[in-house]
Amino acid sequence: MSNSMANDLRTQYDRTFATVKGILETFPDDKWLEEHGDEYYIPSRIAYHIVEFIDGMVAGGHKDPNFRDKLPFGSWHDATAATLPGRAALLSYFEEVLVRAQKELAEIDDEGLQALLPPEMARMGATRISAHFMALREIAAHTGEMNKMLIENGKDDVWVSR
């Protein structure tokens, strides 16, 4: 059986992860913990959410019922500039997440992508591939926010297309 869908999906994740890494590497340290518009839009908060989301949805964290309790920097949503991770610390966590995500993604195949999602994941769609579509959409939404903040700080946006 061909795994062309699974291979295409892995390629899109690779590009998405490269975009996230590029944003994390590019963001100015002096703006990393500053609000951009309001108290929610702190670059570190949005970036941490991206990374913990990848950890949970792509890297297998969702398999652990205590995943959220084990996050290295606590809850991203309730964090403040005083409790959010610095850029270097978040990059280190991201590198660990990438290893786990690549391992999980290596296991997928076309047949598995067509498998039905368990009932508790029905909000994402009917099949496993729909969960991946949702994950890519979530990451894209937040990389868009991060890119807007990069532009506000005089940097070019980051989007890896190849």
C-alpha atoms as a PDB file:
ATOM      1  CA  MET A   1       0.000   0.000   0.000  1.00  0.00           C
ATOM      2  CA  SER A   2       1.184   3.498  -0.800  1.00  0.00           C
ATOM      3  CA  ASN A   3       1.895   5.925   2.008  1.00  0.00           C
ATOM      4  CA  SER A   4       1.686   9.041  -0.128  1.00  0.00           C
ATOM      5  CA  MET A   5      -0.789  10.767   2.234  1.00  0.00           C
ATOM      6  CA  ALA A   6       1.336   9.998   5.287  1.00  0.00           C
ATOM      7  CA  ASN A   7       4.473  11.186   3.496  1.00  0.00           C
ATOM      8  CA  ASP A   8       2.753  14.410   2.430  1.00  0.00           C
ATOM      9  CA  LEU A   9       1.542  14.973   5.977  1.00  0.00           C
ATOM     10  CA  ARG A  10       5.051  14.467   7.379  1.00  0.00           C
ATOM     11  CA  THR A  11       6.391  16.966   4.827  1.00  0.00           C
ATOM     12  CA  GLN A  12       3.847  19.575   5.913  1.00  0.00           C
ATOM     13  CA  TYR A  13       4.692  19.008   9.569  1.00  0.00           C
ATOM     14  CA  ASP A  14       8.416  19.347   8.775  1.00  0.00           C
ATOM     15  CA  ARG A  15       7.762  22.727   7.132  1.00  0.00           C
ATOM     16  CA  THR A  16       5.489  23.804   9.958  1.00  0.00           C
ATOM     17  CA  PHE A  17       8.089  22.842  12.569  1.00  0.00           C
ATOM     18  CA  ALA A  18      10.780  24.693  10.595  1.00  0.00           C
ATOM     19  CA  THR A  19       8.546  27.779  10.598  1.00  0.00           C
ATOM     20  CA  VAL A  20       8.059  27.539  14.368  1.00  0.00           C
ATOM     21  CA  LYS A  21      11.794  27.090  14.918  1.00  0.00           C
ATOM     22  CA  GLY A  22      12.572  30.043  12.651  1.00  0.00           C
ATOM     23  CA  ILE A  23      10.190  32.248  14.609  1.00  0.00           C
ATOM     24  CA  LEU A  24      11.662  31.129  17.939  1.00  0.00           C
ATOM     25  CA  GLU A  25      15.200  31.767  16.715  1.00  0.00           C
ATOM     26  CA  THR A  26      14.356  35.160  15.204  1.00  0.00           C
ATOM     27  CA  PHE A  27      12.235  36.780  17.879  1.00  0.00           C
ATOM     28  CA  PRO A  28      14.012  39.656  19.648  1.00  0.00           C
ATOM     29  CA  ASP A  29      14.915  38.784  23.237  1.00  0.00           C
ATOM     30  CA  ASP A  30      14.036  42.264  24.458  1.00  0.00           C
ATOM     31  CA  LYS A  31      10.447  41.869  23.170  1.00  0.00           C
ATOM     32  CA  TRP A  32       9.964  38.206  24.157  1.00  0.00           C
ATOM     33  CA  LEU A  33       8.126  38.942  27.417  1.00  0.00           C
ATOM     34  CA  GLU A  34       6.416  42.199  26.447  1.00  0.00           C
ATOM     35  CA  GLU A  35       2.720  42.555  25.738  1.00  0.00           C
ATOM     36  CA  HIS A  36       1.805  43.140  22.102  1.00  0.00           C
ATOM     37  CA  GLY A  37      -1.570  44.866  22.180  1.00  0.00           C
ATOM     38  CA  ASP A  38      -2.904  43.327  25.382  1.00  0.00           C
ATOM     39  CA  GLU A  39      -1.903  41.048  28.240  1.00  0.00           C
ATOM     40  CA  TYR A  40      -2.745  37.864  26.312  1.00  0.00           C
ATOM     41  CA  TYR A  41      -0.359  38.558  23.436  1.00  0.00           C
ATOM     42  CA  ILE A  42       2.975  38.015  25.112  1.00  0.00           C
ATOM     43  CA  PRO A  43       5.253  36.337  22.536  1.00  0.00           C
ATOM     44  CA  SER A  44       6.533  33.795  25.053  1.00  0.00           C
ATOM     45  CA  ARG A  45       2.951  32.809  25.943  1.00  0.00           C
ATOM     46  CA  ILE A  46       1.881  32.246  22.345  1.00  0.00           C
ATOM     47  CA  ALA A  47       5.132  30.442  21.495  1.00  0.00           C
ATOM     48  CA  TYR A  48       4.836  28.238  24.584  1.00  0.00           C
ATOM     49  CA  HIS A  49       1.282  27.356  23.592  1.00  0.00           C
ATOM     50  CA  ILE A  50       2.465  26.350  20.111  1.00  0.00           C
ATOM     51  CA  VAL A  51       5.161  24.088  21.541  1.00  0.00           C
ATOM     52  CA  GLU A  52       3.016  22.501  24.253  1.00  0.00           C
ATOM     53  CA  PHE A  53       0.258  21.966  21.675  1.00  0.00           C
ATOM     54  CA  ILE A  54       2.688  20.145  19.373  1.00  0.00           C
ATOM     55  CA  ASP A  55       3.855  18.128  22.388  1.00  0.00           C
ATOM     56  CA  GLY A  56       0.298  17.182  23.278  1.00  0.00           C
ATOM     57  CA  MET A  57      -1.276  16.619  19.875  1.00  0.00           C
ATOM     58  CA  VAL A  58       1.584  15.527  17.624  1.00  0.00           C
ATOM     59  CA  ALA A  59       4.306  14.205  19.925  1.00  0.00           C
ATOM     60  CA  GLY A  60       2.000  11.880  21.842  1.00  0.00           C
ATOM     61  CA  GLY A  61       1.415  13.826  25.037  1.00  0.00           C
ATOM     62  CA  HIS A  62      -2.337  13.262  24.723  1.00  0.00           C
ATOM     63  CA  LYS A  63      -1.716   9.599  25.562  1.00  0.00           C
ATOM     64  CA  ASP A  64      -0.737  10.586  29.114  1.00  0.00           C
ATOM     65  CA  PRO A  65      -3.736  11.601  31.258  1.00  0.00           C
ATOM     66  CA  ASN A  66      -1.374  13.714  33.401  1.00  0.00           C
ATOM     67  CA  PHE A  67       0.291  15.455  30.453  1.00  0.00           C
ATOM     68  CA  ARG A  68      -0.814  18.972  31.436  1.00  0.00           C
ATOM     69  CA  ASP A  69       0.481  18.493  34.984  1.00  0.00           C
ATOM     70  CA  LYS A  70       3.929  17.666  33.600  1.00  0.00           C
ATOM     71  CA  LEU A  71       4.414  20.688  31.336  1.00  0.00           C
ATOM     72  CA  PRO A  72       7.838  22.184  32.018  1.00  0.00           C
ATOM     73  CA  PHE A  73       6.608  25.759  32.500  1.00  0.00           C
ATOM     74  CA  GLY A  74       3.117  25.145  33.864  1.00  0.00           C
ATOM     75  CA  SER A  75      -0.053  26.323  32.187  1.00  0.00           C
ATOM     76  CA  TRP A  76       0.559  28.578  29.196  1.00  0.00           C
ATOM     77  CA  HIS A  77      -2.855  30.168  29.512  1.00  0.00           C
ATOM     78  CA  ASP A  78      -2.457  31.342  33.100  1.00  0.00           C
ATOM     79  CA  ALA A  79       1.204  32.348  32.753  1.00  0.00           C
ATOM     80  CA  THR A  80       2.480  35.881  33.117  1.00  0.00           C
ATOM     81  CA  ALA A  81       5.623  37.590  31.902  1.00  0.00           C
ATOM     82  CA  ALA A  82       7.157  36.704  35.273  1.00  0.00           C
ATOM     83  CA  THR A  83       6.459  32.961  34.914  1.00  0.00           C
ATOM     84  CA  LEU A  84       6.835  32.380  31.160  1.00  0.00           C
ATOM     85  CA  PRO A  85       9.985  30.751  29.781  1.00  0.00           C
ATOM     86  CA  GLY A  86      12.812  32.666  28.192  1.00  0.00           C
ATOM     87  CA  ARG A  87      13.481  32.099  24.499  1.00  0.00           C
ATOM     88  CA  ALA A  88      16.459  29.764  25.046  1.00  0.00           C
ATOM     89  CA  ALA A  89      14.525  27.611  27.514  1.00  0.00           C
ATOM     90  CA  LEU A  90      11.569  27.352  25.146  1.00  0.00           C
ATOM     91  CA  LEU A  91      13.838  26.471  22.226  1.00  0.00           C
ATOM     92  CA  SER A  92      15.336  23.679  24.315  1.00  0.00           C
ATOM     93  CA  TYR A  93      11.875  22.319  25.139  1.00  0.00           C
ATOM     94  CA  PHE A  94      10.919  22.607  21.443  1.00  0.00           C
ATOM     95  CA  GLU A  95      13.940  20.533  20.423  1.00  0.00           C
ATOM     96  CA  GLU A  96      12.851  17.795  22.866  1.00  0.00           C
ATOM     97  CA  VAL A  97       9.307  17.946  21.504  1.00  0.00           C
ATOM     98  CA  LEU A  98      10.563  17.653  17.923  1.00  0.00           C
ATOM     99  CA  VAL A  99      12.318  14.376  18.709  1.00  0.00           C
ATOM    100  CA  ARG A 100       9.092  12.938  20.133  1.00  0.00           C
ATOM    101  CA  ALA A 101       6.970  14.361  17.305  1.00  0.00           C
ATOM    102  CA  GLN A 102       9.233  12.933  14.599  1.00  0.00           C
ATOM    103  CA  LYS A 103       9.045   9.521  16.278  1.00  0.00           C
ATOM    104  CA  GLU A 104       5.229   9.645  16.390  1.00  0.00           C
ATOM    105  CA  LEU A 105       4.966  10.885  12.804  1.00  0.00           C
ATOM    106  CA  ALA A 106       7.283   8.140  11.554  1.00  0.00           C
ATOM    107  CA  GLU A 107       4.696   5.611  12.747  1.00  0.00           C
ATOM    108  CA  ILE A 108       1.780   6.904  10.663  1.00  0.00           C
ATOM    109  CA  ASP A 109       0.665   5.353   7.410  1.00  0.00           C
ATOM    110  CA  ASP A 110      -2.175   5.970   4.980  1.00  0.00           C
ATOM    111  CA  GLU A 111      -4.328   3.232   6.472  1.00  0.00           C
ATOM    112  CA  GLY A 112      -3.936   4.641   9.975  1.00  0.00           C
ATOM    113  CA  LEU A 113      -4.852   8.137   8.796  1.00  0.00           C
ATOM    114  CA  GLN A 114      -8.204   6.744   7.650  1.00  0.00           C
ATOM    115  CA  ALA A 115      -8.946   5.125  11.017  1.00  0.00           C
ATOM    116  CA  LEU A 116     -11.840   6.500  13.026  1.00  0.00           C
ATOM    117  CA  LEU A 117     -11.108   8.805  15.925  1.00  0.00           C
ATOM    118  CA  PRO A 118     -12.228   7.691  19.380  1.00  0.00           C
ATOM    119  CA  PRO A 119     -15.489   9.308  20.546  1.00  0.00           C
ATOM    120  CA  GLU A 120     -13.691  11.695  22.930  1.00  0.00           C
ATOM    121  CA  MET A 121     -11.949  13.276  19.912  1.00  0.00           C
ATOM    122  CA  ALA A 122     -15.102  13.602  17.759  1.00  0.00           C
ATOM    123  CA  ARG A 123     -14.923  17.419  17.862  1.00  0.00           C
ATOM    124  CA  MET A 124     -11.928  17.158  15.510  1.00  0.00           C
ATOM    125  CA  GLY A 125     -13.699  15.111  12.856  1.00  0.00           C
ATOM    126  CA  ALA A 126     -14.292  11.502  11.987  1.00  0.00           C
ATOM    127  CA  THR A 127     -10.834  10.197  11.060  1.00  0.00           C
ATOM    128  CA  ARG A 128      -7.273  10.472  12.350  1.00  0.00           C
ATOM    129  CA  ILE A 129      -6.254  12.675   9.446  1.00  0.00           C
ATOM    130  CA  SER A 130      -8.817  15.240  10.577  1.00  0.00           C
ATOM    131  CA  ALA A 131      -6.979  15.521  13.912  1.00  0.00           C
ATOM    132  CA  HIS A 132      -3.792  16.293  11.974  1.00  0.00           C
ATOM    133  CA  PHE A 133      -5.618  18.906   9.887  1.00  0.00           C
ATOM    134  CA  MET A 134      -6.858  20.514  13.099  1.00  0.00           C
ATOM    135  CA  ALA A 135      -3.363  20.440  14.601  1.00  0.00           C
ATOM    136  CA  LEU A 136      -1.837  22.111  11.543  1.00  0.00           C
ATOM    137  CA  ARG A 137      -4.589  24.760  11.596  1.00  0.00           C
ATOM    138  CA  GLU A 138      -3.976  25.502  15.295  1.00  0.00           C
ATOM    139  CA  ILE A 139      -0.234  25.833  14.793  1.00  0.00           C
ATOM    140  CA  ALA A 140      -0.747  28.016  11.697  1.00  0.00           C
ATOM    141  CA  ALA A 141      -3.097  30.343  13.562  1.00  0.00           C
ATOM    142  CA  HIS A 142      -0.536  30.962  16.275  1.00  0.00           C
ATOM    143  CA  THR A 143       2.478  31.206  13.971  1.00  0.00           C
ATOM    144  CA  GLY A 144       0.481  33.914  12.210  1.00  0.00           C
ATOM    145  CA  GLU A 145       0.159  35.761  15.515  1.00  0.00           C
ATOM    146  CA  MET A 146       3.866  35.356  16.177  1.00  0.00           C
ATOM    147  CA  ASN A 147       4.720  36.578  12.686  1.00  0.00           C
ATOM    148  CA  LYS A 148       2.581  39.680  13.187  1.00  0.00           C
ATOM    149  CA  MET A 149       4.502  40.388  16.378  1.00  0.00           C
ATOM    150  CA  LEU A 150       7.794  39.870  14.526  1.00  0.00           C
ATOM    151  CA  ILE A 151       6.751  42.461  11.945  1.00  0.00           C
ATOM    152  CA  GLU A 152       5.696  44.860  14.721  1.00  0.00           C
ATOM    153  CA  ASN A 153       9.247  44.501  16.041  1.00  0.00           C
ATOM    154  CA  GLY A 154      10.890  45.340  12.712  1.00  0.00           C
ATOM    155  CA  LYS A 155      11.695  41.742  11.720  1.00  0.00           C
ATOM    156  CA  ASP A 156      10.644  39.785   8.652  1.00  0.00           C
ATOM    157  CA  ASP A 157       7.993  37.158   9.092  1.00  0.00           C
ATOM    158  CA  VAL A 158       8.988  33.491   8.900  1.00  0.00           C
ATOM    159  CA  TRP A 159       7.224  30.960   6.716  1.00  0.00           C
ATOM    160  CA  VAL A 160       9.070  27.899   5.460  1.00  0.00           C
ATOM    161  CA  SER A 161       7.499  26.694   2.223  1.00  0.00           C
ATOM    162  CA  ARG A 162      10.145  24.236   1.044  1.00  0.00           C
END
